[in-house]
PDB file of N, CA and C in Angstrom:
ATOM      1  N   MET A   1      44.912  72.010  88.569  1.00  0.00           N
ATOM      2  CA  MET A   1      44.083  70.881  88.364  1.00  0.00           C
ATOM      3  C   MET A   1      42.639  70.841  88.557  1.00  0.00           C
ATOM      4  N   GLN A   2      42.148  71.805  89.374  1.00  0.00           N
ATOM      5  CA  GLN A   2      40.488  72.169  89.445  1.00  0.00           C
ATOM      6  C   GLN A   2      40.393  72.816  87.771  1.00  0.00           C
ATOM      7  N   GLN A   3      41.158  73.923  87.333  1.00  0.00           N
ATOM      8  CA  GLN A   3      40.923  74.835  86.174  1.00  0.00           C
ATOM      9  C   GLN A   3      40.787  73.509  84.919  1.00  0.00           C
ATOM     10  N   ARG A   4      41.916  73.138  85.081  1.00  0.00           N
ATOM     11  CA  ARG A   4      42.069  72.338  83.582  1.00  0.00           C
ATOM     12  C   ARG A   4      40.517  70.666  83.847  1.00  0.00           C
ATOM     13  N   LEU A   5      40.055  70.569  84.598  1.00  0.00           N
ATOM     14  CA  LEU A   5      39.184  69.737  84.670  1.00  0.00           C
ATOM     15  C   LEU A   5      37.629  70.465  83.890  1.00  0.00           C
ATOM     16  N   ILE A   6      37.859  72.004  85.113  1.00  0.00           N
ATOM     17  CA  ILE A   6      36.589  72.754  84.421  1.00  0.00           C
ATOM     18  C   ILE A   6      36.908  73.119  82.622  1.00  0.00           C
ATOM     19  N   GLU A   7      37.895  73.346  82.387  1.00  0.00           N
ATOM     20  CA  GLU A   7      38.006  73.013  81.001  1.00  0.00           C
ATOM     21  C   GLU A   7      38.015  72.625  80.083  1.00  0.00           C
ATOM     22  N   LEU A   8      38.396  71.479  80.569  1.00  0.00           N
ATOM     23  CA  LEU A   8      37.740  69.809  79.886  1.00  0.00           C
ATOM     24  C   LEU A   8      36.215  69.761  79.810  1.00  0.00           C
ATOM     25  N   GLN A   9      35.689  70.017  80.869  1.00  0.00           N
ATOM     26  CA  GLN A   9      34.366  69.924  80.753  1.00  0.00           C
ATOM     27  C   GLN A   9      33.802  70.798  79.911  1.00  0.00           C
ATOM     28  N   LEU A  10      34.217  72.200  79.825  1.00  0.00           N
ATOM     29  CA  LEU A  10      33.897  72.912  78.982  1.00  0.00           C
ATOM     30  C   LEU A  10      34.184  72.247  77.334  1.00  0.00           C
ATOM     31  N   GLN A  11      34.735  72.036  76.863  1.00  0.00           N
ATOM     32  CA  GLN A  11      35.153  71.149  76.228  1.00  0.00           C
ATOM     33  C   GLN A  11      34.526  70.483  75.244  1.00  0.00           C
ATOM     34  N   ARG A  12      34.139  69.469  76.106  1.00  0.00           N
ATOM     35  CA  ARG A  12      33.314  68.136  76.414  1.00  0.00           C
ATOM     36  C   ARG A  12      32.099  69.135  76.191  1.00  0.00           C
ATOM     37  N   GLY A  13      31.569  69.767  76.208  1.00  0.00           N
ATOM     38  CA  GLY A  13      30.144  70.215  76.371  1.00  0.00           C
ATOM     39  C   GLY A  13      29.793  70.762  75.171  1.00  0.00           C
ATOM     40  N   ARG A  14      30.979  71.804  74.610  1.00  0.00           N
ATOM     41  CA  ARG A  14      30.818  71.834  73.026  1.00  0.00           C
ATOM     42  C   ARG A  14      31.194  71.020  72.192  1.00  0.00           C
ATOM     43  N   LEU A  15      31.652  70.254  72.326  1.00  0.00           N
ATOM     44  CA  LEU A  15      31.595  69.224  71.686  1.00  0.00           C
ATOM     45  C   LEU A  15      30.796  68.280  71.207  1.00  0.00           C
ATOM     46  N   LEU A  16      30.290  68.038  72.650  1.00  0.00           N
ATOM     47  CA  LEU A  16      28.672  67.643  72.282  1.00  0.00           C
ATOM     48  C   LEU A  16      28.070  68.084  71.404  1.00  0.00           C
ATOM     49  N   GLU A  17      27.605  69.960  71.437  1.00  0.00           N
ATOM     50  CA  GLU A  17      26.853  70.726  71.242  1.00  0.00           C
ATOM     51  C   GLU A  17      27.092  70.229  69.756  1.00  0.00           C
ATOM     52  N   ARG A  18      28.173  70.828  69.393  1.00  0.00           N
ATOM     53  CA  ARG A  18      28.753  70.586  67.947  1.00  0.00           C
ATOM     54  C   ARG A  18      28.123  69.250  67.101  1.00  0.00           C
ATOM     55  N   ILE A  19      28.235  68.497  67.909  1.00  0.00           N
ATOM     56  CA  ILE A  19      27.733  66.229  67.279  1.00  0.00           C
ATOM     57  C   ILE A  19      26.357  66.695  67.163  1.00  0.00           C
ATOM     58  N   ALA A  20      25.320  67.544  68.241  1.00  0.00           N
ATOM     59  CA  ALA A  20      24.354  67.734  67.859  1.00  0.00           C
ATOM     60  C   ALA A  20      24.129  68.248  66.933  1.00  0.00           C
ATOM     61  N   ASN A  21      24.392  69.448  66.430  1.00  0.00           N
ATOM     62  CA  ASN A  21      24.328  70.479  65.529  1.00  0.00           C
ATOM     63  C   ASN A  21      24.403  69.173  64.299  1.00  0.00           C
ATOM     64  N   GLN A  22      25.483  68.594  64.244  1.00  0.00           N
ATOM     65  CA  GLN A  22      26.204  67.842  62.579  1.00  0.00           C
ATOM     66  C   GLN A  22      25.338  66.916  62.596  1.00  0.00           C
ATOM     67  N   ARG A  23      24.517  66.029  63.445  1.00  0.00           N
ATOM     68  CA  ARG A  23      23.697  64.846  63.237  1.00  0.00           C
ATOM     69  C   ARG A  23      21.715  65.538  63.196  1.00  0.00           C
ATOM     70  N   ALA A  24      21.540  66.729  63.249  1.00  0.00           N
ATOM     71  CA  ALA A  24      20.829  67.160  62.940  1.00  0.00           C
ATOM     72  C   ALA A  24      20.731  67.482  61.289  1.00  0.00           C
ATOM     73  N   GLN A  25      21.724  68.125  60.791  1.00  0.00           N
ATOM     74  CA  GLN A  25      22.503  69.065  59.845  1.00  0.00           C
ATOM     75  C   GLN A  25      22.443  67.404  58.694  1.00  0.00           C
ATOM     76  N   LEU A  26      23.100  66.188  59.404  1.00  0.00           N
ATOM     77  CA  LEU A  26      22.895  65.064  58.479  1.00  0.00           C
ATOM     78  C   LEU A  26      21.423  64.605  58.073  1.00  0.00           C
ATOM     79  N   ALA A  27      20.536  64.482  59.488  1.00  0.00           N
ATOM     80  CA  ALA A  27      19.565  64.122  59.384  1.00  0.00           C
ATOM     81  C   ALA A  27      18.452  64.805  58.082  1.00  0.00           C
ATOM     82  N   HIS A  28      18.625  65.999  58.291  1.00  0.00           N
ATOM     83  CA  HIS A  28      18.367  67.021  57.641  1.00  0.00           C
ATOM     84  C   HIS A  28      18.395  67.233  56.011  1.00  0.00           C
ATOM     85  N   HIS A  29      19.869  66.377  55.798  1.00  0.00           N
ATOM     86  CA  HIS A  29      20.646  66.660  54.169  1.00  0.00           C
ATOM     87  C   HIS A  29      19.856  65.017  53.856  1.00  0.00           C
ATOM     88  N   ALA A  30      19.770  64.183  54.836  1.00  0.00           N
ATOM     89  CA  ALA A  30      19.597  62.598  54.217  1.00  0.00           C
ATOM     90  C   ALA A  30      18.071  62.512  54.310  1.00  0.00           C
ATOM     91  N   GLU A  31      17.202  63.567  54.302  1.00  0.00           N
ATOM     92  CA  GLU A  31      16.097  63.141  54.110  1.00  0.00           C
ATOM     93  C   GLU A  31      15.416  62.919  53.227  1.00  0.00           C
ATOM     94  N   PRO A  32      16.125  63.033  51.720  1.00  0.00           N
ATOM     95  CA  PRO A  32      15.538  62.852  50.491  1.00  0.00           C
ATOM     96  C   PRO A  32      16.019  61.339  50.162  1.00  0.00           C
ATOM     97  N   VAL A  33      16.882  61.129  50.606  1.00  0.00           N
ATOM     98  CA  VAL A  33      17.720  59.376  50.368  1.00  0.00           C
ATOM     99  C   VAL A  33      16.807  58.784  51.603  1.00  0.00           C
ATOM    100  N   ASP A  34      16.298  58.985  52.508  1.00  0.00           N
ATOM    101  CA  ASP A  34      15.659  58.236  53.332  1.00  0.00           C
ATOM    102  C   ASP A  34      13.965  58.214  52.884  1.00  0.00           C
ATOM    103  N   ARG A  35      13.655  58.865  51.955  1.00  0.00           N
ATOM    104  CA  ARG A  35      12.309  59.083  51.241  1.00  0.00           C
ATOM    105  C   ARG A  35      12.286  57.925  50.275  1.00  0.00           C
ATOM    106  N   LEU A  36      13.585  57.587  49.568  1.00  0.00           N
ATOM    107  CA  LEU A  36      14.038  57.115  48.352  1.00  0.00           C
ATOM    108  C   LEU A  36      13.886  55.442  49.174  1.00  0.00           C
ATOM    109  N   LEU A  37      14.888  55.618  50.175  1.00  0.00           N
ATOM    110  CA  LEU A  37      14.785  53.886  50.673  1.00  0.00           C
ATOM    111  C   LEU A  37      13.269  53.549  51.249  1.00  0.00           C
ATOM    112  N   HIS A  38      12.584  54.215  51.996  1.00  0.00           N
ATOM    113  CA  HIS A  38      11.333  53.862  52.035  1.00  0.00           C
ATOM    114  C   HIS A  38      10.411  53.300  51.326  1.00  0.00           C
ATOM    115  N   LEU A  39      10.824  54.112  49.496  1.00  0.00           N
ATOM    116  CA  LEU A  39       9.930  53.702  48.282  1.00  0.00           C
ATOM    117  C   LEU A  39      10.371  52.475  48.134  1.00  0.00           C
ATOM    118  N   GLY A  40      12.083  52.077  48.234  1.00  0.00           N
ATOM    119  CA  GLY A  40      12.182  50.890  47.517  1.00  0.00           C
ATOM    120  C   GLY A  40      11.531  49.830  48.895  1.00  0.00           C
ATOM    121  N   ASP A  41      11.596  49.878  50.211  1.00  0.00           N
ATOM    122  CA  ASP A  41      10.891  49.151  51.271  1.00  0.00           C
ATOM    123  C   ASP A  41       9.317  48.965  50.928  1.00  0.00           C
ATOM    124  N   ARG A  42       8.724  49.703  50.398  1.00  0.00           N
ATOM    125  CA  ARG A  42       7.633  49.574  50.364  1.00  0.00           C
ATOM    126  C   ARG A  42       7.525  49.015  48.954  1.00  0.00           C
ATOM    127  N   ALA A  43       8.060  48.833  47.817  1.00  0.00           N
ATOM    128  CA  ALA A  43       7.960  48.128  46.843  1.00  0.00           C
ATOM    129  C   ALA A  43       8.265  46.474  47.170  1.00  0.00           C
ATOM    130  N   ALA A  44       9.294  46.804  47.601  1.00  0.00           N
ATOM    131  CA  ALA A  44       9.729  44.730  47.988  1.00  0.00           C
ATOM    132  C   ALA A  44       8.519  44.625  48.931  1.00  0.00           C
ATOM    133  N   ALA A  45       7.839  44.878  49.911  1.00  0.00           N
ATOM    134  CA  ALA A  45       6.487  44.835  50.607  1.00  0.00           C
ATOM    135  C   ALA A  45       5.747  44.466  49.688  1.00  0.00           C
ATOM    136  N   ILE A  46       5.357  45.334  48.700  1.00  0.00           N
ATOM    137  CA  ILE A  46       4.544  44.485  48.171  1.00  0.00           C
ATOM    138  C   ILE A  46       4.567  43.523  47.082  1.00  0.00           C
ATOM    139  N   ALA A  47       5.972  43.419  46.719  1.00  0.00           N
ATOM    140  CA  ALA A  47       6.513  42.146  45.787  1.00  0.00           C
ATOM    141  C   ALA A  47       5.967  40.808  46.843  1.00  0.00           C
ATOM    142  N   ARG A  48       6.580  41.229  47.747  1.00  0.00           N
ATOM    143  CA  ARG A  48       6.217  39.936  49.154  1.00  0.00           C
ATOM    144  C   ARG A  48       4.760  39.981  49.254  1.00  0.00           C
ATOM    145  N   GLU A  49       3.695  40.557  49.133  1.00  0.00           N
ATOM    146  CA  GLU A  49       2.910  40.388  49.534  1.00  0.00           C
ATOM    147  C   GLU A  49       1.838  39.496  47.933  1.00  0.00           C
ATOM    148  N   CYS A  50       2.660  40.131  46.925  1.00  0.00           N
ATOM    149  CA  CYS A  50       2.288  39.397  45.855  1.00  0.00           C
ATOM    150  C   CYS A  50       2.455  38.227  45.359  1.00  0.00           C
ATOM    151  N   LYS A  51       3.977  37.608  45.633  1.00  0.00           N
ATOM    152  CA  LYS A  51       4.342  36.415  45.888  1.00  0.00           C
ATOM    153  C   LYS A  51       3.569  35.455  46.999  1.00  0.00           C
ATOM    154  N   ARG A  52       2.864  36.209  47.829  1.00  0.00           N
ATOM    155  CA  ARG A  52       2.164  35.606  48.730  1.00  0.00           C
ATOM    156  C   ARG A  52       0.631  34.940  48.680  1.00  0.00           C
ATOM    157  N   THR A  53       0.107  35.775  48.117  1.00  0.00           N
ATOM    158  CA  THR A  53      -0.708  35.831  47.190  1.00  0.00           C
ATOM    159  C   THR A  53      -1.531  34.695  46.425  1.00  0.00           C
ATOM    160  N   ALA A  54      -0.101  34.905  45.434  1.00  0.00           N
ATOM    161  CA  ALA A  54       0.667  33.795  44.537  1.00  0.00           C
ATOM    162  C   ALA A  54       0.166  32.363  44.979  1.00  0.00           C
ATOM    163  N   ILE A  55       1.240  32.276  45.432  1.00  0.00           N
ATOM    164  CA  ILE A  55       1.000  30.985  46.004  1.00  0.00           C
ATOM    165  C   ILE A  55      -0.170  30.585  47.216  1.00  0.00           C
ATOM    166  N   GLU A  56      -0.850  31.743  47.776  1.00  0.00           N
ATOM    167  CA  GLU A  56      -2.165  30.950  48.800  1.00  0.00           C
ATOM    168  C   GLU A  56      -3.218  30.780  47.453  1.00  0.00           C
ATOM    169  N   HIS A  57      -3.125  31.678  46.453  1.00  0.00           N
ATOM    170  CA  HIS A  57      -4.053  30.909  45.642  1.00  0.00           C
ATOM    171  C   HIS A  57      -3.987  31.061  44.035  1.00  0.00           C
ATOM    172  N   PRO A  58      -3.189  30.199  44.112  1.00  0.00           N
ATOM    173  CA  PRO A  58      -2.480  29.740  42.390  1.00  0.00           C
ATOM    174  C   PRO A  58      -3.993  29.718  41.431  1.00  0.00           C
ATOM    175  N   LEU A  59      -4.860  29.404  41.867  1.00  0.00           N
ATOM    176  CA  LEU A  59      -5.946  29.187  40.675  1.00  0.00           C
ATOM    177  C   LEU A  59      -6.311  31.138  40.163  1.00  0.00           C
ATOM    178  N   THR A  60      -6.812  31.414  41.359  1.00  0.00           N
ATOM    179  CA  THR A  60      -6.944  33.118  40.700  1.00  0.00           C
ATOM    180  C   THR A  60      -5.806  33.240  39.799  1.00  0.00           C
ATOM    181  N   LEU A  61      -4.463  32.836  40.152  1.00  0.00           N
ATOM    182  CA  LEU A  61      -3.210  33.440  39.496  1.00  0.00           C
ATOM    183  C   LEU A  61      -3.779  32.822  37.924  1.00  0.00           C
ATOM    184  N   ALA A  62      -4.099  31.489  38.032  1.00  0.00           N
ATOM    185  CA  ALA A  62      -3.769  30.875  36.609  1.00  0.00           C
ATOM    186  C   ALA A  62      -5.464  31.332  35.536  1.00  0.00           C
ATOM    187  N   VAL A  63      -6.039  31.627  36.611  1.00  0.00           N
ATOM    188  CA  VAL A  63      -6.943  32.274  35.525  1.00  0.00           C
ATOM    189  C   VAL A  63      -6.793  33.706  35.210  1.00  0.00           C
ATOM    190  N   ALA A  64      -6.538  34.506  35.707  1.00  0.00           N
ATOM    191  CA  ALA A  64      -5.863  36.064  35.553  1.00  0.00           C
ATOM    192  C   ALA A  64      -4.818  35.745  34.218  1.00  0.00           C
ATOM    193  N   VAL A  65      -4.025  34.652  34.441  1.00  0.00           N
ATOM    194  CA  VAL A  65      -2.961  34.607  33.163  1.00  0.00           C
ATOM    195  C   VAL A  65      -3.708  34.412  32.204  1.00  0.00           C
ATOM    196  N   GLY A  66      -4.826  33.301  32.404  1.00  0.00           N
ATOM    197  CA  GLY A  66      -5.598  32.917  31.178  1.00  0.00           C
ATOM    198  C   GLY A  66      -6.611  33.887  30.381  1.00  0.00           C
ATOM    199  N   ALA A  67      -6.936  34.753  31.450  1.00  0.00           N
ATOM    200  CA  ALA A  67      -7.486  35.522  30.457  1.00  0.00           C
ATOM    201  C   ALA A  67      -6.766  36.436  29.750  1.00  0.00           C
ATOM    202  N   VAL A  68      -5.756  37.145  30.331  1.00  0.00           N
ATOM    203  CA  VAL A  68      -4.702  37.872  29.235  1.00  0.00           C
ATOM    204  C   VAL A  68      -4.827  36.934  28.020  1.00  0.00           C
ATOM    205  N   LEU A  69      -4.260  35.939  27.998  1.00  0.00           N
ATOM    206  CA  LEU A  69      -3.325  35.059  27.384  1.00  0.00           C
ATOM    207  C   LEU A  69      -5.260  34.896  25.597  1.00  0.00           C
ATOM    208  N   VAL A  70      -5.952  34.667  26.406  1.00  0.00           N
ATOM    209  CA  VAL A  70      -7.310  34.368  25.478  1.00  0.00           C
ATOM    210  C   VAL A  70      -7.745  35.917  24.902  1.00  0.00           C
ATOM    211  N   PHE A  71      -7.982  36.663  25.959  1.00  0.00           N
ATOM    212  CA  PHE A  71      -8.447  38.105  25.829  1.00  0.00           C
ATOM    213  C   PHE A  71      -7.142  39.085  25.348  1.00  0.00           C
ATOM    214  N   ARG A  72      -7.287  40.495  24.941  1.00  0.00           N
ATOM    215  CA  ARG A  72      -6.116  41.466  24.413  1.00  0.00           C
ATOM    216  C   ARG A  72      -6.187  41.873  25.662  1.00  0.00           C
ATOM    217  N   PRO A  73      -4.680  41.972  26.068  1.00  0.00           N
ATOM    218  CA  PRO A  73      -4.467  42.857  27.587  1.00  0.00           C
ATOM    219  C   PRO A  73      -4.952  43.702  28.013  1.00  0.00           C
ATOM    220  N   ARG A  74      -5.483  44.654  26.948  1.00  0.00           N
ATOM    221  CA  ARG A  74      -5.927  46.233  26.636  1.00  0.00           C
ATOM    222  C   ARG A  74      -7.736  45.687  27.485  1.00  0.00           C
ATOM    223  N   THR A  75      -8.399  44.514  26.584  1.00  0.00           N
ATOM    224  CA  THR A  75      -9.625  44.591  27.415  1.00  0.00           C
ATOM    225  C   THR A  75      -9.541  44.318  28.741  1.00  0.00           C
ATOM    226  N   VAL A  76      -8.261  43.197  28.771  1.00  0.00           N
ATOM    227  CA  VAL A  76      -8.430  42.667  30.736  1.00  0.00           C
ATOM    228  C   VAL A  76      -7.968  44.150  31.283  1.00  0.00           C
ATOM    229  N   TRP A  77      -7.226  44.743  30.952  1.00  0.00           N
ATOM    230  CA  TRP A  77      -6.832  45.903  31.964  1.00  0.00           C
ATOM    231  C   TRP A  77      -8.016  46.917  31.987  1.00  0.00           C
ATOM    232  N   ARG A  78      -8.842  46.913  30.989  1.00  0.00           N
ATOM    233  CA  ARG A  78     -10.148  48.050  31.159  1.00  0.00           C
ATOM    234  C   ARG A  78     -11.250  47.329  31.842  1.00  0.00           C
ATOM    235  N   TRP A  79     -11.733  46.310  32.080  1.00  0.00           N
ATOM    236  CA  TRP A  79     -12.049  44.962  32.613  1.00  0.00           C
ATOM    237  C   TRP A  79     -11.882  45.304  34.133  1.00  0.00           C
ATOM    238  N   THR A  80     -10.542  45.302  34.019  1.00  0.00           N
ATOM    239  CA  THR A  80     -10.019  45.060  35.433  1.00  0.00           C
ATOM    240  C   THR A  80      -9.846  47.030  35.848  1.00  0.00           C
ATOM    241  N   ARG A  81      -9.796  47.418  35.692  1.00  0.00           N
ATOM    242  CA  ARG A  81     -10.181  49.069  35.988  1.00  0.00           C
ATOM    243  C   ARG A  81     -11.599  48.986  36.488  1.00  0.00           C
ATOM    244  N   ARG A  82     -12.401  48.508  35.720  1.00  0.00           N
ATOM    245  CA  ARG A  82     -13.764  48.391  35.733  1.00  0.00           C
ATOM    246  C   ARG A  82     -14.039  48.382  37.374  1.00  0.00           C
ATOM    247  N   GLY A  83     -13.524  46.532  37.438  1.00  0.00           N
ATOM    248  CA  GLY A  83     -13.880  45.800  38.482  1.00  0.00           C
ATOM    249  C   GLY A  83     -13.307  46.509  39.431  1.00  0.00           C
ATOM    250  N   PHE A  84     -12.312  47.265  39.472  1.00  0.00           N
ATOM    251  CA  PHE A  84     -11.547  47.830  40.927  1.00  0.00           C
ATOM    252  C   PHE A  84     -12.646  49.138  41.166  1.00  0.00           C
ATOM    253  N   LEU A  85     -12.773  50.015  40.505  1.00  0.00           N
ATOM    254  CA  LEU A  85     -13.887  50.505  40.346  1.00  0.00           C
ATOM    255  C   LEU A  85     -15.068  50.429  41.427  1.00  0.00           C
ATOM    256  N   ALA A  86     -15.748  49.675  40.768  1.00  0.00           N
ATOM    257  CA  ALA A  86     -17.286  48.966  41.176  1.00  0.00           C
ATOM    258  C   ALA A  86     -16.670  48.820  42.961  1.00  0.00           C
ATOM    259  N   TRP A  87     -15.900  47.768  42.651  1.00  0.00           N
ATOM    260  CA  TRP A  87     -15.116  47.453  44.411  1.00  0.00           C
ATOM    261  C   TRP A  87     -14.704  48.605  45.424  1.00  0.00           C
ATOM    262  N   ARG A  88     -14.333  49.362  44.957  1.00  0.00           N
ATOM    263  CA  ARG A  88     -14.062  50.455  45.702  1.00  0.00           C
ATOM    264  C   ARG A  88     -15.670  51.503  46.163  1.00  0.00           C
ATOM    265  N   SER A  89     -16.149  51.396  44.755  1.00  0.00           N
ATOM    266  CA  SER A  89     -17.315  52.230  45.089  1.00  0.00           C
ATOM    267  C   SER A  89     -18.461  51.505  46.273  1.00  0.00           C
ATOM    268  N   PHE A  90     -18.485  50.373  45.690  1.00  0.00           N
ATOM    269  CA  PHE A  90     -19.736  49.421  46.898  1.00  0.00           C
ATOM    270  C   PHE A  90     -18.705  49.289  48.132  1.00  0.00           C
ATOM    271  N   GLY A  91     -17.361  49.631  48.589  1.00  0.00           N
ATOM    272  CA  GLY A  91     -16.625  49.887  49.785  1.00  0.00           C
ATOM    273  C   GLY A  91     -17.158  51.119  50.143  1.00  0.00           C
ATOM    274  N   ALA A  92     -17.060  51.971  49.399  1.00  0.00           N
ATOM    275  CA  ALA A  92     -17.718  53.452  50.237  1.00  0.00           C
ATOM    276  C   ALA A  92     -19.076  53.827  50.470  1.00  0.00           C
ATOM    277  N   ILE A  93     -19.977  53.279  49.396  1.00  0.00           N
ATOM    278  CA  ILE A  93     -21.155  53.336  49.943  1.00  0.00           C
ATOM    279  C   ILE A  93     -21.936  52.601  51.134  1.00  0.00           C
ATOM    280  N   ARG A  94     -21.138  51.388  50.946  1.00  0.00           N
ATOM    281  CA  ARG A  94     -21.458  49.989  52.624  1.00  0.00           C
ATOM    282  C   ARG A  94     -20.720  51.172  53.452  1.00  0.00           C
ATOM    283  N   SER A  95     -19.954  51.551  53.829  1.00  0.00           N
ATOM    284  CA  SER A  95     -19.052  52.025  54.747  1.00  0.00           C
ATOM    285  C   SER A  95     -19.849  53.227  55.298  1.00  0.00           C
ATOM    286  N   ALA A  96     -20.638  54.352  53.923  1.00  0.00           N
ATOM    287  CA  ALA A  96     -21.335  55.423  54.436  1.00  0.00           C
ATOM    288  C   ALA A  96     -23.108  55.448  55.058  1.00  0.00           C
ATOM    289  N   LEU A  97     -23.643  54.050  54.420  1.00  0.00           N
ATOM    290  CA  LEU A  97     -24.810  53.579  54.672  1.00  0.00           C
ATOM    291  C   LEU A  97     -24.354  53.031  56.486  1.00  0.00           C
ATOM    292  N   ALA A  98     -23.482  52.221  56.718  1.00  0.00           N
ATOM    293  CA  ALA A  98     -23.072  52.228  57.992  1.00  0.00           C
ATOM    294  C   ALA A  98     -22.836  53.224  58.937  1.00  0.00           C
ATOM    295  N   ARG A  99     -22.852  54.229  58.676  1.00  0.00           N
ATOM    296  CA  ARG A  99     -22.360  55.551  59.363  1.00  0.00           C
ATOM    297  C   ARG A  99     -24.124  55.820  59.663  1.00  0.00           C
ATOM    298  N   TYR A 100     -25.200  55.835  58.757  1.00  0.00           N
ATOM    299  CA  TYR A 100     -26.207  56.362  59.003  1.00  0.00           C
ATOM    300  C   TYR A 100     -27.348  54.937  59.315  1.00  0.00           C
ATOM    301  N   VAL A 101     -27.113  54.290  58.838  1.00  0.00           N
ATOM    302  CA  VAL A 101     -28.256  53.198  59.962  1.00  0.00           C
ATOM    303  C   VAL A 101     -27.722  52.333  60.821  1.00  0.00           C
ATOM    304  N   ALA A 102     -28.419  52.120  61.674  1.00  0.00           N
ATOM    305  CA  ALA A 102     -27.822  51.645  63.343  1.00  0.00           C
ATOM    306  C   ALA A 102     -28.017  50.201  63.090  1.00  0.00           C
ATOM    307  N   PRO A 103     -26.797  49.265  63.336  1.00  0.00           N
ATOM    308  CA  PRO A 103     -26.852  47.888  63.003  1.00  0.00           C
ATOM    309  C   PRO A 103     -27.892  47.243  64.012  1.00  0.00           C
ATOM    310  N   GLN A 104     -28.391  46.665  63.281  1.00  0.00           N
ATOM    311  CA  GLN A 104     -29.755  45.413  64.234  1.00  0.00           C
ATOM    312  C   GLN A 104     -29.017  44.552  64.488  1.00  0.00           C
ATOM    313  N   ARG A 105     -29.598  44.005  65.816  1.00  0.00           N
ATOM    314  CA  ARG A 105     -29.048  42.994  66.929  1.00  0.00           C
ATOM    315  C   ARG A 105     -29.994  41.770  66.948  1.00  0.00           C
TER     316      ARG A 105
END
């Protein structure tokens, strides 16, 4: 009886080790699919954020749509890129200056 329990425990240990190896292999093989699914999740989060922003700021959305209708879309896109570049540059300069200039209280 004791020998049978030992054999069962050994078999159980081998099975658990085999299961752990299979799980590791499955996780390794599923990694590209996981990245694609996370990409979809990020796209859905961006869509939700855009929807929330549009609901909170309908006037801004109306102005943007009106600008596209009045001006050519290429012109609007060019000025949008320029504005984004200026905004990012301003933020970078401000954070760089904040490191060198001590805040005055």
